[in-house]
Amino acid sequence: MIDAADRGGGGERMPGGADDPLARLQAWYAAQTDGDWEHSYGIRISTLDNPGWMLKVNLEGTALEGRPFGRVREDRSETDWVDCVVEADVFRGAGGTHNLRELIEVFVRWADGAP
């Protein structure tokens, strides 16, 4: 996990702690920001029309660039599903209407395991 000390920040800690996927995503994003990366790359969360969620994280210029990722696909029902891949240095996670947290969890678990 990336904490405030790793970001080089002023010791500010993210609310939610180590078990909160959103706090971990925010910490990962903060660690990437260097005055340049965030102007060209970043994280996008959007909705799908089937309905559902899409999480896109551009990995270019990060420690995750080029790192292998095994596709994660779970089809539990028409409304409970996730499908996560990395293609062209972009993590793409799609999921059902109640699966946004799970998409973020898949990404941060993988990111936390990065060398």
N, C-alpha and C. Protein backbone atom coordinates (compact mmCIF):
# COMPACT_ATOMS: atom_id res chain seq x y z
N MET A 1 0.82 -1.18 0.00
CA MET A 1 0.00 0.00 0.00
C MET A 1 0.86 1.24 0.00
N ILE A 2 0.38 2.28 -0.62
CA ILE A 2 1.06 3.56 -0.68
C ILE A 2 0.45 4.44 0.40
N ASP A 3 1.29 4.98 1.29
CA ASP A 3 0.76 5.88 2.29
C ASP A 3 1.32 7.27 2.08
N ALA A 4 0.98 8.18 2.96
CA ALA A 4 1.37 9.58 2.80
C ALA A 4 2.87 9.74 2.72
N ALA A 5 3.62 8.95 3.48
CA ALA A 5 5.08 9.06 3.45
C ALA A 5 5.62 8.70 2.07
N ASP A 6 5.02 7.69 1.42
CA ASP A 6 5.45 7.29 0.09
C ASP A 6 5.17 8.35 -0.95
N ARG A 7 4.12 9.17 -0.73
CA ARG A 7 3.76 10.21 -1.67
C ARG A 7 4.69 11.40 -1.57
N GLY A 8 5.45 11.48 -0.49
CA GLY A 8 6.31 12.63 -0.31
C GLY A 8 5.52 13.84 0.14
N GLY A 9 4.31 13.60 0.63
CA GLY A 9 3.45 14.69 1.08
C GLY A 9 3.80 15.11 2.48
N GLY A 10 2.97 15.96 3.01
CA GLY A 10 3.21 16.51 4.33
C GLY A 10 2.67 15.64 5.45
N GLY A 11 2.62 14.33 5.26
CA GLY A 11 2.15 13.45 6.30
C GLY A 11 0.64 13.31 6.35
N GLU A 12 -0.06 13.88 5.39
CA GLU A 12 -1.51 13.80 5.35
C GLU A 12 -1.93 12.37 5.03
N ARG A 13 -2.82 11.82 5.85
CA ARG A 13 -3.27 10.45 5.63
C ARG A 13 -4.65 10.46 5.02
N MET A 14 -4.93 9.46 4.21
CA MET A 14 -6.21 9.36 3.55
C MET A 14 -7.23 8.78 4.53
N PRO A 15 -8.44 9.32 4.57
CA PRO A 15 -9.47 8.73 5.42
C PRO A 15 -9.84 7.36 4.92
N GLY A 16 -10.21 6.48 5.82
CA GLY A 16 -10.67 5.16 5.41
C GLY A 16 -9.67 4.07 5.72
N GLY A 17 -8.40 4.36 5.68
CA GLY A 17 -7.39 3.40 6.05
C GLY A 17 -7.08 2.37 4.99
N ALA A 18 -6.27 1.40 5.39
CA ALA A 18 -5.72 0.40 4.48
C ALA A 18 -6.77 -0.51 3.86
N ASP A 19 -7.91 -0.65 4.50
CA ASP A 19 -8.94 -1.55 3.97
C ASP A 19 -9.93 -0.85 3.04
N ASP A 20 -9.80 0.45 2.87
CA ASP A 20 -10.73 1.22 2.05
C ASP A 20 -10.17 1.34 0.62
N PRO A 21 -10.80 0.66 -0.35
CA PRO A 21 -10.27 0.69 -1.71
C PRO A 21 -10.21 2.10 -2.31
N LEU A 22 -11.19 2.94 -1.99
CA LEU A 22 -11.17 4.30 -2.53
C LEU A 22 -9.98 5.09 -1.97
N ALA A 23 -9.70 4.95 -0.68
CA ALA A 23 -8.55 5.63 -0.09
C ALA A 23 -7.26 5.12 -0.73
N ARG A 24 -7.18 3.82 -1.00
CA ARG A 24 -5.99 3.26 -1.64
C ARG A 24 -5.84 3.76 -3.07
N LEU A 25 -6.96 3.89 -3.80
CA LEU A 25 -6.91 4.43 -5.16
C LEU A 25 -6.45 5.89 -5.13
N GLN A 26 -6.99 6.66 -4.19
CA GLN A 26 -6.59 8.06 -4.06
C GLN A 26 -5.10 8.17 -3.74
N ALA A 27 -4.59 7.31 -2.87
CA ALA A 27 -3.18 7.32 -2.52
C ALA A 27 -2.32 6.96 -3.73
N TRP A 28 -2.76 5.96 -4.51
CA TRP A 28 -2.01 5.57 -5.71
C TRP A 28 -1.96 6.75 -6.68
N TYR A 29 -3.11 7.39 -6.90
CA TYR A 29 -3.16 8.55 -7.80
C TYR A 29 -2.23 9.66 -7.30
N ALA A 30 -2.31 9.97 -6.02
CA ALA A 30 -1.47 11.03 -5.46
C ALA A 30 0.02 10.73 -5.67
N ALA A 31 0.39 9.45 -5.57
CA ALA A 31 1.79 9.06 -5.75
C ALA A 31 2.26 9.24 -7.20
N GLN A 32 1.33 9.24 -8.15
CA GLN A 32 1.71 9.39 -9.56
C GLN A 32 1.86 10.85 -9.95
N THR A 33 1.18 11.73 -9.25
CA THR A 33 1.16 13.14 -9.65
C THR A 33 2.53 13.77 -9.43
N ASP A 34 3.05 14.34 -10.50
CA ASP A 34 4.39 14.94 -10.44
C ASP A 34 4.45 16.27 -11.17
N GLY A 35 3.30 16.83 -11.48
CA GLY A 35 3.27 18.08 -12.23
C GLY A 35 3.11 17.87 -13.72
N ASP A 36 3.40 16.65 -14.19
CA ASP A 36 3.27 16.33 -15.61
C ASP A 36 2.29 15.19 -15.87
N TRP A 37 2.47 14.07 -15.14
CA TRP A 37 1.68 12.87 -15.41
C TRP A 37 0.18 13.16 -15.40
N GLU A 38 -0.29 13.89 -14.40
CA GLU A 38 -1.72 14.13 -14.26
C GLU A 38 -2.30 15.00 -15.37
N HIS A 39 -1.46 15.68 -16.13
CA HIS A 39 -1.96 16.51 -17.24
C HIS A 39 -2.23 15.68 -18.50
N SER A 40 -1.55 14.54 -18.62
CA SER A 40 -1.72 13.71 -19.81
C SER A 40 -2.43 12.39 -19.51
N TYR A 41 -2.36 11.93 -18.27
CA TYR A 41 -2.88 10.61 -17.91
C TYR A 41 -3.79 10.75 -16.71
N GLY A 42 -4.28 9.65 -16.21
CA GLY A 42 -5.09 9.73 -15.00
C GLY A 42 -6.05 8.57 -14.87
N ILE A 43 -7.10 8.82 -14.10
CA ILE A 43 -8.12 7.83 -13.77
C ILE A 43 -9.47 8.37 -14.22
N ARG A 44 -10.27 7.52 -14.84
CA ARG A 44 -11.62 7.90 -15.26
C ARG A 44 -12.62 6.88 -14.74
N ILE A 45 -13.66 7.36 -14.10
CA ILE A 45 -14.77 6.51 -13.67
C ILE A 45 -16.00 7.02 -14.41
N SER A 46 -16.67 6.12 -15.11
CA SER A 46 -17.85 6.52 -15.87
C SER A 46 -18.90 5.42 -15.76
N THR A 47 -20.08 5.73 -16.27
CA THR A 47 -21.16 4.75 -16.26
C THR A 47 -21.30 4.11 -17.63
N LEU A 48 -21.87 2.91 -17.63
CA LEU A 48 -22.16 2.17 -18.85
C LEU A 48 -23.66 2.17 -19.07
N ASP A 49 -24.07 1.98 -20.31
CA ASP A 49 -25.50 2.02 -20.61
C ASP A 49 -26.20 0.67 -20.46
N ASN A 50 -25.50 -0.34 -19.94
CA ASN A 50 -26.15 -1.66 -19.86
C ASN A 50 -26.79 -2.03 -18.52
N PRO A 51 -26.94 -1.40 -17.47
CA PRO A 51 -26.13 -0.33 -16.90
C PRO A 51 -24.95 -0.91 -16.11
N GLY A 52 -24.04 -0.06 -15.75
CA GLY A 52 -22.88 -0.48 -14.99
C GLY A 52 -21.84 0.62 -14.87
N TRP A 53 -20.64 0.21 -14.48
CA TRP A 53 -19.52 1.13 -14.24
C TRP A 53 -18.33 0.78 -15.10
N MET A 54 -17.52 1.79 -15.42
CA MET A 54 -16.24 1.61 -16.11
C MET A 54 -15.18 2.36 -15.33
N LEU A 55 -14.08 1.69 -15.03
CA LEU A 55 -12.91 2.29 -14.40
C LEU A 55 -11.75 2.16 -15.37
N LYS A 56 -11.16 3.30 -15.75
CA LYS A 56 -9.99 3.29 -16.63
C LYS A 56 -8.85 3.99 -15.92
N VAL A 57 -7.70 3.34 -15.87
CA VAL A 57 -6.51 3.90 -15.24
C VAL A 57 -5.38 3.82 -16.24
N ASN A 58 -4.85 4.97 -16.64
CA ASN A 58 -3.72 4.99 -17.56
C ASN A 58 -2.46 4.69 -16.78
N LEU A 59 -1.71 3.70 -17.22
CA LEU A 59 -0.54 3.22 -16.49
C LEU A 59 0.77 3.76 -17.04
N GLU A 60 0.72 4.46 -18.15
CA GLU A 60 1.94 4.97 -18.76
C GLU A 60 2.66 5.90 -17.79
N GLY A 61 3.96 5.70 -17.66
CA GLY A 61 4.76 6.54 -16.78
C GLY A 61 4.67 6.16 -15.31
N THR A 62 4.05 5.00 -15.00
CA THR A 62 3.95 4.53 -13.62
C THR A 62 4.72 3.23 -13.47
N ALA A 63 4.88 2.78 -12.24
CA ALA A 63 5.55 1.50 -11.98
C ALA A 63 4.76 0.32 -12.55
N LEU A 64 3.49 0.54 -12.88
CA LEU A 64 2.65 -0.53 -13.42
C LEU A 64 2.74 -0.65 -14.94
N GLU A 65 3.36 0.31 -15.59
CA GLU A 65 3.49 0.27 -17.05
C GLU A 65 4.21 -1.00 -17.47
N GLY A 66 3.57 -1.78 -18.35
CA GLY A 66 4.18 -3.00 -18.86
C GLY A 66 4.07 -4.20 -17.92
N ARG A 67 3.53 -4.02 -16.74
CA ARG A 67 3.41 -5.12 -15.78
C ARG A 67 2.28 -6.06 -16.21
N PRO A 68 2.52 -7.37 -16.21
CA PRO A 68 1.49 -8.33 -16.61
C PRO A 68 0.28 -8.28 -15.66
N PHE A 69 -0.87 -8.47 -16.24
CA PHE A 69 -2.13 -8.52 -15.50
C PHE A 69 -2.97 -9.65 -16.08
N GLY A 70 -3.37 -10.56 -15.24
CA GLY A 70 -4.25 -11.65 -15.67
C GLY A 70 -5.70 -11.19 -15.63
N ARG A 71 -6.39 -11.35 -16.72
CA ARG A 71 -7.77 -10.89 -16.81
C ARG A 71 -8.60 -11.42 -15.64
N VAL A 72 -9.44 -10.57 -15.09
CA VAL A 72 -10.36 -10.95 -14.02
C VAL A 72 -11.77 -10.83 -14.59
N ARG A 73 -12.48 -11.95 -14.60
CA ARG A 73 -13.84 -11.95 -15.14
C ARG A 73 -14.72 -12.82 -14.25
N GLU A 74 -15.77 -12.20 -13.73
CA GLU A 74 -16.74 -12.89 -12.89
C GLU A 74 -18.13 -12.53 -13.40
N ASP A 75 -18.88 -13.52 -13.84
CA ASP A 75 -20.26 -13.32 -14.28
C ASP A 75 -21.17 -14.04 -13.31
N ARG A 76 -21.58 -13.33 -12.26
CA ARG A 76 -22.43 -13.93 -11.25
C ARG A 76 -23.91 -13.82 -11.59
N SER A 77 -24.29 -12.73 -12.25
CA SER A 77 -25.67 -12.54 -12.71
C SER A 77 -25.66 -11.41 -13.73
N GLU A 78 -26.82 -11.07 -14.27
CA GLU A 78 -26.92 -9.99 -15.25
C GLU A 78 -26.51 -8.65 -14.67
N THR A 79 -26.68 -8.48 -13.36
CA THR A 79 -26.37 -7.19 -12.73
C THR A 79 -25.16 -7.26 -11.81
N ASP A 80 -24.59 -8.43 -11.61
CA ASP A 80 -23.46 -8.63 -10.70
C ASP A 80 -22.33 -9.29 -11.47
N TRP A 81 -21.45 -8.45 -12.01
CA TRP A 81 -20.38 -8.97 -12.84
C TRP A 81 -19.21 -7.97 -12.88
N VAL A 82 -18.02 -8.49 -13.16
CA VAL A 82 -16.84 -7.66 -13.38
C VAL A 82 -16.02 -8.25 -14.51
N ASP A 83 -15.35 -7.39 -15.23
CA ASP A 83 -14.44 -7.80 -16.30
C ASP A 83 -13.31 -6.78 -16.34
N CYS A 84 -12.11 -7.20 -15.94
CA CYS A 84 -10.96 -6.30 -15.84
C CYS A 84 -9.81 -6.82 -16.70
N VAL A 85 -9.23 -5.95 -17.50
CA VAL A 85 -8.10 -6.27 -18.36
C VAL A 85 -7.13 -5.09 -18.38
N VAL A 86 -5.91 -5.37 -18.82
CA VAL A 86 -4.95 -4.30 -19.12
C VAL A 86 -4.58 -4.46 -20.58
N GLU A 87 -4.81 -3.40 -21.35
CA GLU A 87 -4.45 -3.37 -22.76
C GLU A 87 -3.85 -2.01 -23.07
N ALA A 88 -2.73 -2.03 -23.80
CA ALA A 88 -2.06 -0.79 -24.20
C ALA A 88 -1.81 0.12 -23.00
N ASP A 89 -1.33 -0.47 -21.91
CA ASP A 89 -1.00 0.27 -20.69
C ASP A 89 -2.18 1.05 -20.11
N VAL A 90 -3.39 0.49 -20.25
CA VAL A 90 -4.57 1.05 -19.62
C VAL A 90 -5.32 -0.09 -18.92
N PHE A 91 -5.53 0.07 -17.60
CA PHE A 91 -6.38 -0.86 -16.87
C PHE A 91 -7.81 -0.47 -17.17
N ARG A 92 -8.60 -1.45 -17.62
CA ARG A 92 -10.02 -1.22 -17.90
C ARG A 92 -10.83 -2.22 -17.11
N GLY A 93 -11.64 -1.69 -16.20
CA GLY A 93 -12.52 -2.53 -15.41
C GLY A 93 -13.95 -2.13 -15.66
N ALA A 94 -14.78 -3.09 -16.01
CA ALA A 94 -16.20 -2.84 -16.21
C ALA A 94 -16.96 -3.75 -15.26
N GLY A 95 -18.11 -3.27 -14.79
CA GLY A 95 -18.88 -4.09 -13.86
C GLY A 95 -20.32 -3.63 -13.75
N GLY A 96 -21.10 -4.41 -13.05
CA GLY A 96 -22.51 -4.13 -12.85
C GLY A 96 -22.74 -2.90 -11.97
N THR A 97 -24.00 -2.58 -11.79
CA THR A 97 -24.37 -1.35 -11.10
C THR A 97 -23.89 -1.27 -9.65
N HIS A 98 -23.65 -2.40 -9.01
CA HIS A 98 -23.18 -2.41 -7.63
C HIS A 98 -21.75 -2.93 -7.50
N ASN A 99 -20.98 -2.88 -8.58
CA ASN A 99 -19.64 -3.46 -8.58
C ASN A 99 -18.51 -2.45 -8.69
N LEU A 100 -18.79 -1.16 -8.54
CA LEU A 100 -17.71 -0.17 -8.63
C LEU A 100 -16.63 -0.42 -7.58
N ARG A 101 -17.03 -0.66 -6.35
CA ARG A 101 -16.05 -0.92 -5.29
C ARG A 101 -15.18 -2.12 -5.65
N GLU A 102 -15.78 -3.17 -6.20
CA GLU A 102 -15.02 -4.36 -6.57
C GLU A 102 -14.02 -4.06 -7.68
N LEU A 103 -14.41 -3.22 -8.65
CA LEU A 103 -13.47 -2.83 -9.72
C LEU A 103 -12.26 -2.12 -9.12
N ILE A 104 -12.52 -1.20 -8.21
CA ILE A 104 -11.43 -0.47 -7.56
C ILE A 104 -10.56 -1.44 -6.76
N GLU A 105 -11.17 -2.38 -6.06
CA GLU A 105 -10.43 -3.38 -5.28
C GLU A 105 -9.51 -4.21 -6.18
N VAL A 106 -10.01 -4.64 -7.34
CA VAL A 106 -9.17 -5.41 -8.26
C VAL A 106 -7.94 -4.59 -8.65
N PHE A 107 -8.15 -3.33 -9.00
CA PHE A 107 -7.02 -2.49 -9.39
C PHE A 107 -6.03 -2.29 -8.26
N VAL A 108 -6.50 -1.90 -7.07
CA VAL A 108 -5.55 -1.58 -6.00
C VAL A 108 -4.84 -2.82 -5.47
N ARG A 109 -5.50 -3.98 -5.48
CA ARG A 109 -4.80 -5.22 -5.10
C ARG A 109 -3.65 -5.47 -6.05
N TRP A 110 -3.89 -5.32 -7.33
CA TRP A 110 -2.84 -5.51 -8.33
C TRP A 110 -1.75 -4.45 -8.18
N ALA A 111 -2.15 -3.20 -8.00
CA ALA A 111 -1.18 -2.11 -7.86
C ALA A 111 -0.32 -2.29 -6.61
N ASP A 112 -0.92 -2.74 -5.53
CA ASP A 112 -0.16 -2.95 -4.29
C ASP A 112 0.88 -4.05 -4.44
N GLY A 113 0.65 -4.98 -5.36
CA GLY A 113 1.59 -6.07 -5.58
C GLY A 113 2.70 -5.72 -6.56
N ALA A 114 2.68 -4.50 -7.08
CA ALA A 114 3.70 -4.09 -8.06
C ALA A 114 5.06 -3.98 -7.39
N PRO A 115 6.10 -4.37 -8.11
CA PRO A 115 7.45 -4.27 -7.52
C PRO A 115 7.86 -2.84 -7.28
